[in-house]
Amino acid sequence: MATVDKNRDGIPKMRVTFSDSQGLVFVIEELDPFESWSQSSFCARVTAGTCDCGLFQSLHYQCQHAHAACADVSIEWALYVHPVYMQDAAFKVYEM
């Protein structure tokens, strides 16, 4: 949750320049550079769980860009977090 909160803190540093709310595809422009990336705009595909930065698909929870996209159209970001991060999944590990 600390990483998710950190990613959500980056929302004010982003501007959504294009949104296809039907397909949940967004182009996000960074107003502040993202940890030394030379790229300044990223495409986030929320339902597909991908972003050009590569973090969304590798970690299976939203990067800063996907959080900015969700905030722009007021959709609940938690719907797109991989089930392995949910509390029920953690409890199942210790069921035995």
N, C-alpha and C. Protein backbone atom coordinates (compact mmCIF):
# COMPACT_ATOMS: atom_id res chain seq x y z
N MET A 1 0.82 -1.20 0.00
CA MET A 1 0.00 0.00 0.00
C MET A 1 0.86 1.26 0.00
N ALA A 2 2.04 1.19 0.61
CA ALA A 2 2.90 2.37 0.63
C ALA A 2 3.31 2.77 -0.79
N THR A 3 3.60 1.78 -1.63
CA THR A 3 3.97 2.08 -3.01
C THR A 3 2.79 2.63 -3.79
N VAL A 4 1.61 2.08 -3.56
CA VAL A 4 0.40 2.58 -4.22
C VAL A 4 0.15 4.03 -3.79
N ASP A 5 0.30 4.32 -2.51
CA ASP A 5 0.12 5.69 -2.03
C ASP A 5 1.14 6.63 -2.66
N LYS A 6 2.38 6.16 -2.80
CA LYS A 6 3.41 6.98 -3.43
C LYS A 6 3.04 7.26 -4.89
N ASN A 7 2.54 6.24 -5.58
CA ASN A 7 2.12 6.43 -6.97
C ASN A 7 0.95 7.40 -7.07
N ARG A 8 0.04 7.35 -6.11
CA ARG A 8 -1.11 8.26 -6.12
C ARG A 8 -0.67 9.69 -5.81
N ASP A 9 0.39 9.85 -5.05
CA ASP A 9 0.91 11.19 -4.75
C ASP A 9 1.42 11.89 -6.01
N GLY A 10 1.77 11.11 -7.03
CA GLY A 10 2.28 11.68 -8.27
C GLY A 10 1.20 12.21 -9.20
N ILE A 11 -0.06 12.00 -8.88
CA ILE A 11 -1.17 12.42 -9.76
C ILE A 11 -1.12 13.91 -10.09
N PRO A 12 -0.87 14.82 -9.13
CA PRO A 12 -0.85 16.24 -9.50
C PRO A 12 0.27 16.62 -10.48
N LYS A 13 1.26 15.74 -10.64
CA LYS A 13 2.37 16.01 -11.55
C LYS A 13 2.10 15.47 -12.96
N MET A 14 0.87 15.04 -13.21
CA MET A 14 0.50 14.44 -14.48
C MET A 14 -0.71 15.16 -15.08
N ARG A 15 -0.79 15.12 -16.41
CA ARG A 15 -1.95 15.68 -17.09
C ARG A 15 -2.36 14.68 -18.16
N VAL A 16 -3.64 14.30 -18.13
CA VAL A 16 -4.17 13.40 -19.15
C VAL A 16 -4.47 14.23 -20.38
N THR A 17 -3.79 13.91 -21.50
CA THR A 17 -3.98 14.69 -22.72
C THR A 17 -4.92 14.02 -23.70
N PHE A 18 -5.18 12.73 -23.53
CA PHE A 18 -6.13 12.02 -24.37
C PHE A 18 -6.76 10.93 -23.53
N SER A 19 -8.05 10.75 -23.70
CA SER A 19 -8.69 9.63 -23.01
C SER A 19 -9.78 9.05 -23.88
N ASP A 20 -9.73 7.74 -23.98
CA ASP A 20 -10.78 6.98 -24.64
C ASP A 20 -11.46 6.21 -23.52
N SER A 21 -12.46 6.82 -22.92
CA SER A 21 -13.09 6.22 -21.74
C SER A 21 -13.81 4.93 -22.07
N GLN A 22 -14.16 4.71 -23.33
CA GLN A 22 -14.79 3.44 -23.72
C GLN A 22 -13.80 2.28 -23.57
N GLY A 23 -12.59 2.48 -24.09
CA GLY A 23 -11.58 1.44 -24.03
C GLY A 23 -10.63 1.59 -22.88
N LEU A 24 -10.81 2.65 -22.09
CA LEU A 24 -9.93 2.97 -20.97
C LEU A 24 -8.46 3.01 -21.40
N VAL A 25 -8.21 3.78 -22.47
CA VAL A 25 -6.86 4.03 -22.97
C VAL A 25 -6.60 5.52 -22.78
N PHE A 26 -5.46 5.85 -22.19
CA PHE A 26 -5.15 7.24 -21.85
C PHE A 26 -3.73 7.57 -22.25
N VAL A 27 -3.52 8.82 -22.65
CA VAL A 27 -2.17 9.34 -22.86
C VAL A 27 -1.94 10.35 -21.75
N ILE A 28 -0.90 10.13 -20.97
CA ILE A 28 -0.61 10.96 -19.80
C ILE A 28 0.71 11.68 -20.04
N GLU A 29 0.69 12.98 -19.88
CA GLU A 29 1.90 13.79 -20.01
C GLU A 29 2.41 14.12 -18.62
N GLU A 30 3.70 13.93 -18.43
CA GLU A 30 4.30 14.23 -17.13
C GLU A 30 4.71 15.70 -17.09
N LEU A 31 4.33 16.38 -16.04
CA LEU A 31 4.72 17.77 -15.85
C LEU A 31 6.07 17.85 -15.16
N ASP A 32 6.42 16.80 -14.43
CA ASP A 32 7.71 16.64 -13.76
C ASP A 32 8.35 15.36 -14.28
N PRO A 33 9.63 15.34 -14.56
CA PRO A 33 10.25 14.11 -15.07
C PRO A 33 10.08 12.93 -14.11
N PHE A 34 9.90 11.76 -14.68
CA PHE A 34 9.68 10.53 -13.91
C PHE A 34 10.99 9.80 -13.72
N GLU A 35 11.60 9.94 -12.56
CA GLU A 35 12.81 9.20 -12.19
C GLU A 35 13.79 9.03 -13.35
N SER A 36 14.20 10.10 -13.95
CA SER A 36 15.21 10.16 -15.01
C SER A 36 14.78 9.54 -16.33
N TRP A 37 13.48 9.38 -16.56
CA TRP A 37 13.01 8.91 -17.86
C TRP A 37 13.16 10.05 -18.86
N SER A 38 13.55 9.73 -20.07
CA SER A 38 13.63 10.77 -21.10
C SER A 38 12.28 10.95 -21.78
N GLN A 39 11.42 9.97 -21.65
CA GLN A 39 10.09 10.03 -22.25
C GLN A 39 9.20 10.90 -21.36
N SER A 40 8.37 11.76 -21.98
CA SER A 40 7.55 12.65 -21.17
C SER A 40 6.06 12.33 -21.25
N SER A 41 5.65 11.46 -22.17
CA SER A 41 4.25 11.05 -22.19
C SER A 41 4.17 9.54 -22.33
N PHE A 42 3.15 8.99 -21.69
CA PHE A 42 2.99 7.54 -21.61
C PHE A 42 1.56 7.18 -21.94
N CYS A 43 1.37 6.02 -22.53
CA CYS A 43 0.05 5.51 -22.83
C CYS A 43 -0.28 4.41 -21.82
N ALA A 44 -1.37 4.61 -21.08
CA ALA A 44 -1.81 3.62 -20.10
C ALA A 44 -3.11 2.99 -20.59
N ARG A 45 -3.13 1.68 -20.60
CA ARG A 45 -4.32 0.92 -20.97
C ARG A 45 -4.80 0.23 -19.70
N VAL A 46 -5.76 0.86 -19.05
CA VAL A 46 -6.15 0.44 -17.70
C VAL A 46 -6.72 -0.97 -17.68
N THR A 47 -7.68 -1.29 -18.56
CA THR A 47 -8.28 -2.62 -18.52
C THR A 47 -7.30 -3.71 -18.92
N ALA A 48 -6.33 -3.37 -19.77
CA ALA A 48 -5.30 -4.35 -20.17
C ALA A 48 -4.21 -4.48 -19.12
N GLY A 49 -4.12 -3.51 -18.21
CA GLY A 49 -3.11 -3.54 -17.16
C GLY A 49 -1.71 -3.24 -17.68
N THR A 50 -1.62 -2.34 -18.67
CA THR A 50 -0.32 -2.01 -19.23
C THR A 50 -0.10 -0.50 -19.29
N CYS A 51 1.17 -0.13 -19.31
CA CYS A 51 1.58 1.26 -19.46
C CYS A 51 2.92 1.26 -20.18
N ASP A 52 3.19 2.31 -20.93
CA ASP A 52 4.46 2.41 -21.64
C ASP A 52 5.67 2.40 -20.72
N CYS A 53 5.49 2.80 -19.46
CA CYS A 53 6.62 2.81 -18.53
C CYS A 53 7.03 1.40 -18.13
N GLY A 54 6.12 0.42 -18.30
CA GLY A 54 6.43 -0.97 -18.01
C GLY A 54 6.15 -1.41 -16.59
N LEU A 55 5.87 -0.47 -15.70
CA LEU A 55 5.68 -0.84 -14.29
C LEU A 55 4.32 -1.49 -14.03
N PHE A 56 3.28 -1.02 -14.67
CA PHE A 56 1.93 -1.56 -14.45
C PHE A 56 1.91 -3.06 -14.77
N GLN A 57 2.43 -3.46 -15.93
CA GLN A 57 2.38 -4.86 -16.31
C GLN A 57 3.37 -5.73 -15.54
N SER A 58 4.46 -5.16 -15.08
CA SER A 58 5.43 -5.99 -14.36
C SER A 58 5.08 -6.17 -12.89
N LEU A 59 4.47 -5.16 -12.28
CA LEU A 59 4.13 -5.24 -10.86
C LEU A 59 2.68 -5.66 -10.61
N HIS A 60 1.84 -5.55 -11.63
CA HIS A 60 0.43 -5.92 -11.56
C HIS A 60 -0.39 -5.03 -10.62
N TYR A 61 0.05 -3.82 -10.43
CA TYR A 61 -0.76 -2.77 -9.81
C TYR A 61 -0.38 -1.45 -10.46
N GLN A 62 -1.22 -0.44 -10.30
CA GLN A 62 -1.10 0.79 -11.06
C GLN A 62 0.19 1.56 -10.79
N CYS A 63 0.76 2.03 -11.90
CA CYS A 63 1.87 2.98 -11.82
C CYS A 63 1.26 4.38 -11.67
N GLN A 64 2.10 5.39 -11.59
CA GLN A 64 1.62 6.77 -11.47
C GLN A 64 0.73 7.16 -12.63
N HIS A 65 1.07 6.70 -13.81
CA HIS A 65 0.32 7.08 -15.01
C HIS A 65 -1.09 6.50 -14.98
N ALA A 66 -1.20 5.23 -14.59
CA ALA A 66 -2.52 4.60 -14.52
C ALA A 66 -3.37 5.23 -13.42
N HIS A 67 -2.74 5.62 -12.31
CA HIS A 67 -3.49 6.30 -11.25
C HIS A 67 -4.01 7.65 -11.74
N ALA A 68 -3.19 8.36 -12.49
CA ALA A 68 -3.64 9.65 -13.04
C ALA A 68 -4.80 9.45 -14.00
N ALA A 69 -4.75 8.38 -14.80
CA ALA A 69 -5.83 8.08 -15.73
C ALA A 69 -7.12 7.77 -14.98
N CYS A 70 -7.03 6.93 -13.96
CA CYS A 70 -8.22 6.59 -13.17
C CYS A 70 -8.81 7.82 -12.49
N ALA A 71 -7.96 8.67 -11.97
CA ALA A 71 -8.43 9.89 -11.30
C ALA A 71 -9.10 10.83 -12.30
N ASP A 72 -8.60 10.86 -13.53
CA ASP A 72 -9.15 11.77 -14.53
C ASP A 72 -10.60 11.46 -14.88
N VAL A 73 -10.95 10.18 -14.90
CA VAL A 73 -12.32 9.80 -15.25
C VAL A 73 -13.10 9.27 -14.05
N SER A 74 -12.55 9.44 -12.87
CA SER A 74 -13.21 9.07 -11.61
C SER A 74 -13.64 7.60 -11.57
N ILE A 75 -12.68 6.71 -11.89
CA ILE A 75 -12.97 5.29 -11.73
C ILE A 75 -12.12 4.74 -10.59
N GLU A 76 -12.62 3.71 -9.96
CA GLU A 76 -11.96 3.11 -8.80
C GLU A 76 -10.72 2.33 -9.26
N TRP A 77 -9.55 2.77 -8.83
CA TRP A 77 -8.29 2.15 -9.24
C TRP A 77 -8.13 0.73 -8.69
N ALA A 78 -8.72 0.44 -7.54
CA ALA A 78 -8.54 -0.87 -6.90
C ALA A 78 -9.12 -2.01 -7.73
N LEU A 79 -10.02 -1.72 -8.65
CA LEU A 79 -10.59 -2.76 -9.50
C LEU A 79 -9.55 -3.38 -10.42
N TYR A 80 -8.46 -2.67 -10.65
CA TYR A 80 -7.45 -3.11 -11.61
C TYR A 80 -6.16 -3.59 -10.94
N VAL A 81 -6.23 -3.89 -9.66
CA VAL A 81 -5.09 -4.46 -8.94
C VAL A 81 -5.20 -5.98 -9.04
N HIS A 82 -4.09 -6.63 -9.31
CA HIS A 82 -4.08 -8.09 -9.45
C HIS A 82 -4.58 -8.74 -8.16
N PRO A 83 -5.38 -9.81 -8.26
CA PRO A 83 -5.94 -10.47 -7.07
C PRO A 83 -4.91 -10.97 -6.07
N VAL A 84 -3.67 -11.22 -6.51
CA VAL A 84 -2.65 -11.71 -5.59
C VAL A 84 -2.35 -10.70 -4.48
N TYR A 85 -2.65 -9.42 -4.71
CA TYR A 85 -2.40 -8.39 -3.71
C TYR A 85 -3.58 -8.21 -2.74
N MET A 86 -4.66 -8.90 -2.98
CA MET A 86 -5.83 -8.75 -2.12
C MET A 86 -5.64 -9.53 -0.81
N GLN A 87 -6.30 -9.09 0.21
CA GLN A 87 -6.16 -9.68 1.54
C GLN A 87 -6.56 -11.15 1.55
N ASP A 88 -7.59 -11.52 0.80
CA ASP A 88 -8.02 -12.92 0.75
C ASP A 88 -6.92 -13.83 0.24
N ALA A 89 -6.17 -13.37 -0.75
CA ALA A 89 -5.08 -14.17 -1.30
C ALA A 89 -3.98 -14.38 -0.26
N ALA A 90 -3.70 -13.35 0.52
CA ALA A 90 -2.69 -13.48 1.57
C ALA A 90 -3.13 -14.48 2.64
N PHE A 91 -4.39 -14.46 3.00
CA PHE A 91 -4.91 -15.40 4.00
C PHE A 91 -4.87 -16.83 3.49
N LYS A 92 -5.10 -17.04 2.19
CA LYS A 92 -5.08 -18.39 1.64
C LYS A 92 -3.70 -19.03 1.73
N VAL A 93 -2.66 -18.22 1.73
CA VAL A 93 -1.30 -18.74 1.86
C VAL A 93 -1.14 -19.45 3.20
N TYR A 94 -1.77 -18.92 4.23
CA TYR A 94 -1.61 -19.48 5.58
C TYR A 94 -2.76 -20.40 5.98
N GLU A 95 -3.64 -20.77 5.07
CA GLU A 95 -4.79 -21.61 5.38
C GLU A 95 -4.40 -22.96 5.94
N MET A 96 -3.38 -23.57 5.40
CA MET A 96 -2.96 -24.90 5.83
C MET A 96 -2.56 -24.84 7.29
